Amino acid sequence: MASPQKLHPAHADLESILVTESAIKRRIKRLGAEIAETYPNEEITVISIINGAILFTADLLRAISNPVRLDCIRVSSYRNKTKSVGKPQLLHSLTLDITNRHVLLIDDILDTGKTLAMVTGMIEKQNPASLKTCVLLDKKGRREVPFDAEFVGFEIPDKFAVGYGLDFAERYRNLPCIGVLRSDLQNPPEWA
């Protein structure tokens, strides 16, 4: 007799599951193959926007067969809110030289487009050989500036998603799936 699967304790905070753990694993494997085909025999400089994209980046890098250099930048746009707050702020910039390098920028979610537009503008000023973007989630219904990623894991509805790197007030990143945070938990006063 099989034992019942144990759910992560934070699953109770989810209204629904948008993307299962197994679907994430399957899609990352396919994304890795697509990226490797795009850069045949080329080294890729991956730039991950952290903290959100850290889990996605780690798993995606293992699915890419090319040689890879990795750098991380930190951008703040939510500040413990469920909606992007004003202009994104660059908190930590690049350390690698990306001049004449093939750059793949990775983020957890593309919603308003402001963060990726700002970061790609910053990267383009450093004259990379090429620049492409990869996002785990695309929330087209929230776009405020025109932006499309070349590689997309999943398109999701305009719901507040957490899990697999996505957070609310730095919580829920460790969930293995992606789900919709219950509305009654989205602005509790003790987290303000």
N, C-alpha and C. Protein backbone atom coordinates (compact mmCIF):
# COMPACT_ATOMS: atom_id res chain seq x y z
N MET A 1 0.85 -1.18 0.00
CA MET A 1 0.00 0.00 0.00
C MET A 1 0.89 1.25 0.00
N ALA A 2 0.66 2.14 -0.94
CA ALA A 2 1.48 3.36 -1.07
C ALA A 2 1.12 4.33 0.05
N SER A 3 2.17 5.00 0.55
CA SER A 3 1.90 5.99 1.59
C SER A 3 1.41 7.29 0.94
N PRO A 4 0.55 8.02 1.63
CA PRO A 4 0.04 9.26 1.04
C PRO A 4 1.17 10.28 0.89
N GLN A 5 1.11 11.04 -0.22
CA GLN A 5 2.14 12.05 -0.47
C GLN A 5 1.99 13.17 0.55
N LYS A 6 3.13 13.55 1.15
CA LYS A 6 3.10 14.65 2.12
C LYS A 6 3.17 15.96 1.37
N LEU A 7 2.28 16.85 1.66
CA LEU A 7 2.29 18.17 1.05
C LEU A 7 3.16 19.09 1.88
N HIS A 8 3.78 20.04 1.21
CA HIS A 8 4.55 21.06 1.90
C HIS A 8 3.58 21.84 2.78
N PRO A 9 3.97 22.19 4.02
CA PRO A 9 3.04 22.89 4.92
C PRO A 9 2.48 24.19 4.34
N ALA A 10 3.23 24.86 3.48
CA ALA A 10 2.75 26.12 2.91
C ALA A 10 1.70 25.91 1.82
N HIS A 11 1.50 24.66 1.36
CA HIS A 11 0.46 24.41 0.36
C HIS A 11 -0.91 24.87 0.86
N ALA A 12 -1.11 24.83 2.14
CA ALA A 12 -2.40 25.27 2.70
C ALA A 12 -2.64 26.75 2.44
N ASP A 13 -1.58 27.50 2.15
CA ASP A 13 -1.71 28.92 1.86
C ASP A 13 -2.04 29.20 0.40
N LEU A 14 -2.12 28.14 -0.41
CA LEU A 14 -2.42 28.31 -1.83
C LEU A 14 -3.90 28.12 -2.10
N GLU A 15 -4.42 29.02 -2.90
CA GLU A 15 -5.81 28.93 -3.35
C GLU A 15 -5.95 27.84 -4.42
N SER A 16 -4.92 27.75 -5.29
CA SER A 16 -4.91 26.73 -6.35
C SER A 16 -3.48 26.55 -6.85
N ILE A 17 -3.26 25.45 -7.55
CA ILE A 17 -1.95 25.18 -8.17
C ILE A 17 -2.05 25.58 -9.64
N LEU A 18 -1.11 26.40 -10.08
CA LEU A 18 -1.06 26.81 -11.49
C LEU A 18 -0.18 25.88 -12.31
N VAL A 19 0.99 25.50 -11.75
CA VAL A 19 1.93 24.64 -12.46
C VAL A 19 2.49 23.63 -11.46
N THR A 20 2.36 22.36 -11.78
CA THR A 20 2.83 21.31 -10.88
C THR A 20 4.36 21.17 -10.95
N GLU A 21 4.90 20.53 -9.95
CA GLU A 21 6.34 20.27 -9.91
C GLU A 21 6.78 19.46 -11.12
N SER A 22 6.02 18.44 -11.49
CA SER A 22 6.41 17.60 -12.64
C SER A 22 6.33 18.38 -13.95
N ALA A 23 5.35 19.26 -14.10
CA ALA A 23 5.26 20.09 -15.32
C ALA A 23 6.45 21.04 -15.42
N ILE A 24 6.88 21.59 -14.29
CA ILE A 24 8.06 22.48 -14.26
C ILE A 24 9.29 21.71 -14.74
N LYS A 25 9.50 20.52 -14.22
CA LYS A 25 10.67 19.72 -14.59
C LYS A 25 10.67 19.40 -16.08
N ARG A 26 9.50 19.00 -16.61
CA ARG A 26 9.41 18.67 -18.04
C ARG A 26 9.70 19.88 -18.91
N ARG A 27 9.13 21.03 -18.54
CA ARG A 27 9.30 22.24 -19.37
C ARG A 27 10.75 22.73 -19.32
N ILE A 28 11.39 22.64 -18.16
CA ILE A 28 12.79 23.09 -18.05
C ILE A 28 13.69 22.23 -18.94
N LYS A 29 13.44 20.95 -18.99
CA LYS A 29 14.23 20.07 -19.86
C LYS A 29 14.09 20.52 -21.32
N ARG A 30 12.86 20.82 -21.75
CA ARG A 30 12.63 21.27 -23.13
C ARG A 30 13.25 22.64 -23.37
N LEU A 31 13.13 23.55 -22.40
CA LEU A 31 13.75 24.88 -22.54
C LEU A 31 15.26 24.77 -22.69
N GLY A 32 15.88 23.90 -21.91
CA GLY A 32 17.32 23.70 -22.00
C GLY A 32 17.73 23.26 -23.40
N ALA A 33 16.96 22.35 -23.99
CA ALA A 33 17.25 21.88 -25.35
C ALA A 33 17.06 23.00 -26.37
N GLU A 34 16.00 23.81 -26.21
CA GLU A 34 15.74 24.93 -27.12
C GLU A 34 16.89 25.95 -27.06
N ILE A 35 17.34 26.23 -25.86
CA ILE A 35 18.42 27.21 -25.68
C ILE A 35 19.72 26.68 -26.29
N ALA A 36 20.04 25.41 -26.06
CA ALA A 36 21.24 24.81 -26.62
C ALA A 36 21.20 24.84 -28.15
N GLU A 37 20.03 24.61 -28.75
CA GLU A 37 19.89 24.65 -30.21
C GLU A 37 20.08 26.08 -30.74
N THR A 38 19.68 27.06 -29.95
CA THR A 38 19.80 28.47 -30.36
C THR A 38 21.26 28.91 -30.38
N TYR A 39 22.07 28.35 -29.50
CA TYR A 39 23.49 28.71 -29.39
C TYR A 39 24.36 27.48 -29.67
N PRO A 40 24.34 26.94 -30.89
CA PRO A 40 25.11 25.72 -31.14
C PRO A 40 26.61 25.94 -30.91
N ASN A 41 27.17 25.14 -30.03
CA ASN A 41 28.61 25.16 -29.72
C ASN A 41 29.12 26.52 -29.22
N GLU A 42 28.25 27.37 -28.73
CA GLU A 42 28.64 28.69 -28.23
C GLU A 42 28.60 28.71 -26.70
N GLU A 43 29.52 29.45 -26.12
CA GLU A 43 29.45 29.69 -24.68
C GLU A 43 28.40 30.76 -24.43
N ILE A 44 27.62 30.58 -23.37
CA ILE A 44 26.56 31.52 -23.03
C ILE A 44 26.90 32.17 -21.69
N THR A 45 26.73 33.47 -21.62
CA THR A 45 26.83 34.16 -20.33
C THR A 45 25.41 34.32 -19.82
N VAL A 46 25.09 33.62 -18.77
CA VAL A 46 23.76 33.67 -18.18
C VAL A 46 23.76 34.72 -17.08
N ILE A 47 22.76 35.59 -17.12
CA ILE A 47 22.57 36.58 -16.06
C ILE A 47 21.23 36.29 -15.43
N SER A 48 21.25 35.97 -14.16
CA SER A 48 20.03 35.62 -13.43
C SER A 48 19.61 36.80 -12.55
N ILE A 49 18.33 37.13 -12.61
CA ILE A 49 17.81 38.18 -11.74
C ILE A 49 17.34 37.50 -10.45
N ILE A 50 18.06 37.79 -9.37
CA ILE A 50 17.76 37.13 -8.10
C ILE A 50 17.05 38.10 -7.16
N ASN A 51 16.33 37.59 -6.21
CA ASN A 51 16.26 36.23 -5.71
C ASN A 51 15.29 35.34 -6.49
N GLY A 52 14.32 35.91 -7.14
CA GLY A 52 13.24 35.14 -7.74
C GLY A 52 13.65 34.06 -8.71
N ALA A 53 14.64 34.32 -9.56
CA ALA A 53 15.00 33.37 -10.61
C ALA A 53 16.04 32.36 -10.18
N ILE A 54 16.44 32.35 -8.93
CA ILE A 54 17.56 31.50 -8.52
C ILE A 54 17.27 30.00 -8.68
N LEU A 55 16.09 29.53 -8.30
CA LEU A 55 15.78 28.11 -8.44
C LEU A 55 15.64 27.72 -9.91
N PHE A 56 14.91 28.54 -10.66
CA PHE A 56 14.73 28.31 -12.09
C PHE A 56 16.08 28.29 -12.81
N THR A 57 16.93 29.26 -12.51
CA THR A 57 18.24 29.33 -13.15
C THR A 57 19.06 28.08 -12.85
N ALA A 58 19.11 27.67 -11.59
CA ALA A 58 19.90 26.50 -11.21
C ALA A 58 19.45 25.26 -11.97
N ASP A 59 18.15 25.03 -12.04
CA ASP A 59 17.64 23.86 -12.74
C ASP A 59 17.83 23.98 -14.25
N LEU A 60 17.62 25.17 -14.79
CA LEU A 60 17.77 25.38 -16.23
C LEU A 60 19.22 25.19 -16.67
N LEU A 61 20.17 25.68 -15.90
CA LEU A 61 21.58 25.53 -16.27
C LEU A 61 21.97 24.06 -16.40
N ARG A 62 21.40 23.22 -15.55
CA ARG A 62 21.70 21.78 -15.61
C ARG A 62 21.10 21.14 -16.86
N ALA A 63 20.14 21.81 -17.50
CA ALA A 63 19.50 21.28 -18.71
C ALA A 63 20.11 21.84 -19.99
N ILE A 64 21.08 22.73 -19.87
CA ILE A 64 21.75 23.34 -21.03
C ILE A 64 23.11 22.67 -21.21
N SER A 65 23.37 22.18 -22.41
CA SER A 65 24.62 21.45 -22.65
C SER A 65 25.80 22.36 -23.00
N ASN A 66 25.56 23.60 -23.32
CA ASN A 66 26.63 24.54 -23.69
C ASN A 66 27.51 24.89 -22.50
N PRO A 67 28.74 25.38 -22.79
CA PRO A 67 29.52 25.98 -21.71
C PRO A 67 28.80 27.25 -21.24
N VAL A 68 28.82 27.49 -19.94
CA VAL A 68 28.06 28.61 -19.38
C VAL A 68 28.91 29.37 -18.38
N ARG A 69 28.82 30.70 -18.45
CA ARG A 69 29.33 31.58 -17.39
C ARG A 69 28.08 32.13 -16.70
N LEU A 70 28.14 32.34 -15.40
CA LEU A 70 26.97 32.80 -14.64
C LEU A 70 27.29 34.05 -13.86
N ASP A 71 26.38 35.01 -13.94
CA ASP A 71 26.43 36.21 -13.11
C ASP A 71 25.01 36.46 -12.62
N CYS A 72 24.90 37.18 -11.54
CA CYS A 72 23.59 37.50 -10.97
C CYS A 72 23.48 39.00 -10.73
N ILE A 73 22.28 39.50 -10.91
CA ILE A 73 21.99 40.88 -10.53
C ILE A 73 20.77 40.85 -9.61
N ARG A 74 20.61 41.89 -8.85
CA ARG A 74 19.48 41.97 -7.93
C ARG A 74 18.69 43.23 -8.25
N VAL A 75 17.39 43.04 -8.45
CA VAL A 75 16.49 44.14 -8.76
C VAL A 75 15.31 44.06 -7.82
N SER A 76 14.85 45.19 -7.34
CA SER A 76 13.67 45.22 -6.47
C SER A 76 12.55 45.95 -7.18
N SER A 77 11.36 45.30 -7.22
CA SER A 77 10.22 45.96 -7.85
C SER A 77 8.92 45.78 -7.08
N TYR A 78 8.88 44.83 -6.13
CA TYR A 78 7.62 44.57 -5.41
C TYR A 78 7.62 45.11 -3.98
N ARG A 79 8.74 45.01 -3.28
CA ARG A 79 8.86 45.52 -1.91
C ARG A 79 7.70 45.10 -1.00
N ASN A 80 7.48 43.81 -0.88
CA ASN A 80 6.45 43.22 0.00
C ASN A 80 5.02 43.56 -0.41
N LYS A 81 4.80 43.89 -1.66
CA LYS A 81 3.46 44.16 -2.18
C LYS A 81 3.12 43.08 -3.21
N THR A 82 1.85 43.02 -3.61
CA THR A 82 1.44 42.06 -4.63
C THR A 82 1.45 42.66 -6.02
N LYS A 83 1.69 43.95 -6.14
CA LYS A 83 1.79 44.63 -7.43
C LYS A 83 3.13 45.34 -7.48
N SER A 84 3.68 45.43 -8.69
CA SER A 84 4.94 46.13 -8.87
C SER A 84 4.79 47.58 -8.42
N VAL A 85 5.80 48.06 -7.66
CA VAL A 85 5.72 49.40 -7.08
C VAL A 85 6.66 50.34 -7.82
N GLY A 86 6.12 51.17 -8.70
CA GLY A 86 6.92 52.18 -9.39
C GLY A 86 8.00 51.60 -10.26
N LYS A 87 9.11 52.33 -10.36
CA LYS A 87 10.24 51.94 -11.20
C LYS A 87 11.10 50.92 -10.47
N PRO A 88 11.50 49.84 -11.17
CA PRO A 88 12.40 48.86 -10.54
C PRO A 88 13.72 49.52 -10.14
N GLN A 89 14.31 49.02 -9.05
CA GLN A 89 15.59 49.55 -8.57
C GLN A 89 16.66 48.47 -8.70
N LEU A 90 17.79 48.83 -9.32
CA LEU A 90 18.93 47.93 -9.40
C LEU A 90 19.66 47.99 -8.07
N LEU A 91 19.75 46.84 -7.38
CA LEU A 91 20.39 46.79 -6.07
C LEU A 91 21.81 46.22 -6.14
N HIS A 92 22.08 45.36 -7.14
CA HIS A 92 23.41 44.76 -7.30
C HIS A 92 23.61 44.50 -8.78
N SER A 93 24.69 45.01 -9.34
CA SER A 93 24.92 44.93 -10.78
C SER A 93 25.84 43.77 -11.16
N LEU A 94 26.18 43.70 -12.44
CA LEU A 94 27.02 42.64 -12.98
C LEU A 94 28.46 42.72 -12.49
N THR A 95 29.11 41.56 -12.45
CA THR A 95 30.53 41.52 -12.15
C THR A 95 31.34 41.04 -13.36
N LEU A 96 30.71 40.28 -14.28
CA LEU A 96 31.40 39.77 -15.46
C LEU A 96 31.39 40.79 -16.59
N ASP A 97 32.43 40.74 -17.42
CA ASP A 97 32.47 41.54 -18.65
C ASP A 97 31.64 40.78 -19.69
N ILE A 98 30.65 41.44 -20.28
CA ILE A 98 29.78 40.77 -21.25
C ILE A 98 29.98 41.30 -22.68
N THR A 99 30.97 42.13 -22.87
CA THR A 99 31.25 42.65 -24.21
C THR A 99 31.53 41.50 -25.17
N ASN A 100 30.84 41.52 -26.32
CA ASN A 100 30.97 40.49 -27.38
C ASN A 100 30.66 39.07 -26.90
N ARG A 101 29.85 38.94 -25.86
CA ARG A 101 29.42 37.63 -25.35
C ARG A 101 27.95 37.40 -25.68
N HIS A 102 27.58 36.13 -25.82
CA HIS A 102 26.18 35.78 -26.00
C HIS A 102 25.54 35.75 -24.61
N VAL A 103 24.59 36.64 -24.39
CA VAL A 103 23.99 36.80 -23.06
C VAL A 103 22.57 36.26 -23.05
N LEU A 104 22.26 35.47 -22.04
CA LEU A 104 20.90 34.99 -21.79
C LEU A 104 20.49 35.52 -20.43
N LEU A 105 19.50 36.41 -20.43
CA LEU A 105 18.98 36.99 -19.19
C LEU A 105 17.81 36.14 -18.72
N ILE A 106 17.85 35.71 -17.46
CA ILE A 106 16.82 34.83 -16.91
C ILE A 106 16.10 35.52 -15.76
N ASP A 107 14.76 35.49 -15.81
CA ASP A 107 13.95 36.01 -14.72
C ASP A 107 12.84 35.02 -14.40
N ASP A 108 12.27 35.16 -13.21
CA ASP A 108 11.21 34.24 -12.81
C ASP A 108 9.90 34.55 -13.52
N ILE A 109 9.55 35.85 -13.65
CA ILE A 109 8.25 36.20 -14.21
C ILE A 109 8.33 37.49 -15.01
N LEU A 110 7.64 37.50 -16.13
CA LEU A 110 7.48 38.69 -16.95
C LEU A 110 6.04 39.14 -16.78
N ASP A 111 5.86 40.26 -16.07
CA ASP A 111 4.49 40.77 -15.92
C ASP A 111 4.39 42.17 -16.50
N THR A 112 4.74 43.22 -15.76
CA THR A 112 4.62 44.58 -16.31
C THR A 112 5.60 44.82 -17.45
N GLY A 113 6.73 44.12 -17.42
CA GLY A 113 7.77 44.31 -18.43
C GLY A 113 8.80 45.35 -18.03
N LYS A 114 8.54 46.08 -16.95
CA LYS A 114 9.45 47.16 -16.54
C LYS A 114 10.83 46.66 -16.15
N THR A 115 10.88 45.59 -15.36
CA THR A 115 12.18 45.09 -14.90
C THR A 115 13.03 44.61 -16.08
N LEU A 116 12.46 43.77 -16.94
CA LEU A 116 13.24 43.24 -18.06
C LEU A 116 13.60 44.34 -19.06
N ALA A 117 12.74 45.30 -19.27
CA ALA A 117 13.08 46.42 -20.16
C ALA A 117 14.25 47.21 -19.59
N MET A 118 14.23 47.48 -18.29
CA MET A 118 15.32 48.23 -17.66
C MET A 118 16.64 47.44 -17.74
N VAL A 119 16.60 46.16 -17.38
CA VAL A 119 17.82 45.36 -17.33
C VAL A 119 18.37 45.12 -18.75
N THR A 120 17.51 44.84 -19.72
CA THR A 120 18.03 44.64 -21.08
C THR A 120 18.65 45.93 -21.61
N GLY A 121 18.06 47.06 -21.28
CA GLY A 121 18.65 48.34 -21.68
C GLY A 121 20.04 48.52 -21.10
N MET A 122 20.20 48.15 -19.84
CA MET A 122 21.50 48.24 -19.16
C MET A 122 22.51 47.30 -19.80
N ILE A 123 22.08 46.08 -20.13
CA ILE A 123 22.97 45.09 -20.73
C ILE A 123 23.38 45.51 -22.15
N GLU A 124 22.43 46.01 -22.93
CA GLU A 124 22.73 46.42 -24.30
C GLU A 124 23.82 47.49 -24.36
N LYS A 125 23.89 48.34 -23.35
CA LYS A 125 24.93 49.39 -23.30
C LYS A 125 26.33 48.80 -23.17
N GLN A 126 26.42 47.52 -22.77
CA GLN A 126 27.72 46.87 -22.59
C GLN A 126 28.14 46.05 -23.82
N ASN A 127 27.40 46.22 -24.93
CA ASN A 127 27.74 45.64 -26.24
C ASN A 127 27.94 44.12 -26.25
N PRO A 128 26.93 43.37 -25.84
CA PRO A 128 27.04 41.92 -25.96
C PRO A 128 26.94 41.52 -27.44
N ALA A 129 27.44 40.33 -27.77
CA ALA A 129 27.30 39.82 -29.14
C ALA A 129 25.82 39.57 -29.46
N SER A 130 25.09 39.09 -28.47
CA SER A 130 23.64 38.89 -28.61
C SER A 130 23.02 38.93 -27.22
N LEU A 131 21.72 39.18 -27.18
CA LEU A 131 20.99 39.21 -25.91
C LEU A 131 19.61 38.60 -26.12
N LYS A 132 19.31 37.57 -25.35
CA LYS A 132 17.99 36.95 -25.37
C LYS A 132 17.52 36.83 -23.92
N THR A 133 16.19 36.73 -23.76
CA THR A 133 15.63 36.61 -22.42
C THR A 133 14.84 35.31 -22.28
N CYS A 134 14.87 34.79 -21.06
CA CYS A 134 14.14 33.57 -20.73
C CYS A 134 13.42 33.80 -19.41
N VAL A 135 12.12 33.51 -19.39
CA VAL A 135 11.34 33.65 -18.17
C VAL A 135 10.60 32.35 -17.88
N LEU A 136 10.46 32.05 -16.61
CA LEU A 136 9.68 30.88 -16.23
C LEU A 136 8.21 31.12 -16.51
N LEU A 137 7.71 32.29 -16.12
CA LEU A 137 6.29 32.62 -16.26
C LEU A 137 6.10 33.90 -17.04
N ASP A 138 5.05 33.94 -17.86
CA ASP A 138 4.67 35.15 -18.59
C ASP A 138 3.22 35.46 -18.25
N LYS A 139 3.03 36.64 -17.67
CA LYS A 139 1.69 37.10 -17.29
C LYS A 139 1.34 38.27 -18.22
N LYS A 140 0.93 37.95 -19.45
CA LYS A 140 0.69 38.97 -20.49
C LYS A 140 -0.36 40.00 -20.09
N GLY A 141 -1.30 39.62 -19.27
CA GLY A 141 -2.37 40.52 -18.86
C GLY A 141 -1.91 41.70 -18.02
N ARG A 142 -0.68 41.68 -17.53
CA ARG A 142 -0.17 42.76 -16.67
C ARG A 142 0.81 43.69 -17.38
N ARG A 143 1.06 43.48 -18.68
CA ARG A 143 2.08 44.24 -19.38
C ARG A 143 1.79 45.73 -19.38
N GLU A 144 2.78 46.53 -18.96
CA GLU A 144 2.69 47.99 -18.98
C GLU A 144 3.63 48.59 -20.01
N VAL A 145 4.70 47.87 -20.32
CA VAL A 145 5.62 48.29 -21.39
C VAL A 145 5.75 47.12 -22.35
N PRO A 146 5.90 47.40 -23.65
CA PRO A 146 5.98 46.28 -24.61
C PRO A 146 7.27 45.49 -24.41
N PHE A 147 7.13 44.20 -24.15
CA PHE A 147 8.29 43.34 -23.98
C PHE A 147 7.84 41.89 -24.16
N ASP A 148 8.61 41.14 -24.93
CA ASP A 148 8.38 39.70 -25.10
C ASP A 148 9.69 38.97 -24.89
N ALA A 149 9.64 37.87 -24.17
CA ALA A 149 10.83 37.03 -23.96
C ALA A 149 10.94 36.03 -25.10
N GLU A 150 12.18 35.69 -25.45
CA GLU A 150 12.40 34.69 -26.50
C GLU A 150 12.08 33.28 -26.02
N PHE A 151 12.31 33.01 -24.75
CA PHE A 151 12.04 31.68 -24.19
C PHE A 151 11.09 31.84 -23.00
N VAL A 152 9.98 31.12 -23.02
CA VAL A 152 8.97 31.22 -21.97
C VAL A 152 8.60 29.82 -21.49
N GLY A 153 8.60 29.67 -20.17
CA GLY A 153 8.19 28.39 -19.59
C GLY A 153 6.68 28.19 -19.69
N PHE A 154 5.93 29.08 -19.05
CA PHE A 154 4.48 28.95 -18.99
C PHE A 154 3.83 30.33 -19.05
N GLU A 155 2.71 30.42 -19.73
CA GLU A 155 1.89 31.64 -19.66
C GLU A 155 0.84 31.39 -18.58
N ILE A 156 0.69 32.38 -17.69
CA ILE A 156 -0.27 32.22 -16.58
C ILE A 156 -1.24 33.39 -16.56
N PRO A 157 -2.39 33.20 -15.90
CA PRO A 157 -3.37 34.29 -15.78
C PRO A 157 -2.90 35.35 -14.79
N ASP A 158 -3.61 36.45 -14.72
CA ASP A 158 -3.27 37.56 -13.83
C ASP A 158 -3.70 37.24 -12.40
N LYS A 159 -2.98 36.33 -11.78
CA LYS A 159 -3.18 35.94 -10.38
C LYS A 159 -1.84 36.07 -9.68
N PHE A 160 -1.85 36.28 -8.36
CA PHE A 160 -0.58 36.44 -7.64
C PHE A 160 0.01 35.06 -7.36
N ALA A 161 1.08 34.75 -8.08
CA ALA A 161 1.70 33.42 -8.02
C ALA A 161 2.89 33.40 -7.07
N VAL A 162 3.04 32.29 -6.35
CA VAL A 162 4.18 32.05 -5.47
C VAL A 162 4.66 30.62 -5.68
N GLY A 163 5.87 30.36 -5.21
CA GLY A 163 6.44 29.02 -5.29
C GLY A 163 7.51 28.93 -6.34
N TYR A 164 8.39 27.95 -6.20
CA TYR A 164 9.49 27.70 -7.11
C TYR A 164 10.27 29.00 -7.40
N GLY A 165 10.62 29.69 -6.34
CA GLY A 165 11.41 30.91 -6.45
C GLY A 165 10.61 32.19 -6.32
N LEU A 166 9.34 32.15 -6.69
CA LEU A 166 8.49 33.34 -6.57
C LEU A 166 8.02 33.49 -5.13
N ASP A 167 8.01 34.72 -4.65
CA ASP A 167 7.72 34.92 -3.24
C ASP A 167 6.63 35.95 -3.01
N PHE A 168 6.22 36.01 -1.77
CA PHE A 168 5.50 37.16 -1.23
C PHE A 168 6.20 37.48 0.09
N ALA A 169 6.77 38.68 0.17
CA ALA A 169 7.51 39.12 1.37
C ALA A 169 8.57 38.10 1.76
N GLU A 170 9.28 37.56 0.76
CA GLU A 170 10.36 36.58 0.91
C GLU A 170 9.89 35.22 1.43
N ARG A 171 8.61 34.93 1.37
CA ARG A 171 8.08 33.62 1.78
C ARG A 171 7.63 32.84 0.54
N TYR A 172 7.54 31.54 0.66
CA TYR A 172 7.00 30.60 -0.34
C TYR A 172 7.96 30.24 -1.47
N ARG A 173 9.16 30.80 -1.50
CA ARG A 173 10.09 30.50 -2.60
C ARG A 173 10.38 29.00 -2.69
N ASN A 174 10.37 28.30 -1.56
CA ASN A 174 10.78 26.90 -1.53
C ASN A 174 9.69 25.91 -1.92
N LEU A 175 8.51 26.38 -2.28
CA LEU A 175 7.47 25.45 -2.74
C LEU A 175 7.91 24.80 -4.05
N PRO A 176 7.69 23.51 -4.23
CA PRO A 176 8.13 22.85 -5.46
C PRO A 176 7.22 23.10 -6.66
N CYS A 177 6.05 23.65 -6.42
CA CYS A 177 5.09 23.96 -7.48
C CYS A 177 4.87 25.48 -7.51
N ILE A 178 4.04 25.93 -8.45
CA ILE A 178 3.66 27.35 -8.51
C ILE A 178 2.16 27.42 -8.30
N GLY A 179 1.74 28.24 -7.34
CA GLY A 179 0.33 28.34 -7.04
C GLY A 179 -0.11 29.77 -6.80
N VAL A 180 -1.41 29.93 -6.66
CA VAL A 180 -1.99 31.24 -6.38
C VAL A 180 -2.11 31.40 -4.87
N LEU A 181 -1.49 32.44 -4.34
CA LEU A 181 -1.57 32.71 -2.91
C LEU A 181 -2.99 33.13 -2.54
N ARG A 182 -3.49 32.54 -1.45
CA ARG A 182 -4.83 32.91 -0.98
C ARG A 182 -4.92 34.41 -0.78
N SER A 183 -6.02 35.01 -1.19
CA SER A 183 -6.18 36.48 -1.12
C SER A 183 -6.12 36.99 0.31
N ASP A 184 -6.59 36.21 1.29
CA ASP A 184 -6.56 36.68 2.68
C ASP A 184 -5.13 36.74 3.25
N LEU A 185 -4.15 36.17 2.54
CA LEU A 185 -2.76 36.20 3.00
C LEU A 185 -1.91 37.22 2.25
N GLN A 186 -2.49 37.89 1.26
CA GLN A 186 -1.71 38.75 0.40
C GLN A 186 -1.29 40.08 1.03
N ASN A 187 -1.94 40.52 2.07
CA ASN A 187 -1.53 41.75 2.74
C ASN A 187 -1.76 41.69 4.24
N PRO A 188 -1.27 40.64 4.90
CA PRO A 188 -1.47 40.58 6.36
C PRO A 188 -0.70 41.71 7.04
N PRO A 189 -1.30 42.37 8.04
CA PRO A 189 -0.66 43.51 8.68
C PRO A 189 0.69 43.20 9.33
N GLU A 190 0.88 41.96 9.82
CA GLU A 190 2.14 41.65 10.50
C GLU A 190 3.30 41.51 9.53
N TRP A 191 3.04 41.45 8.22
CA TRP A 191 4.13 41.36 7.24
C TRP A 191 4.47 42.73 6.67
N ALA A 192 3.72 43.72 6.99
CA ALA A 192 3.92 45.04 6.38
C ALA A 192 5.26 45.63 6.72
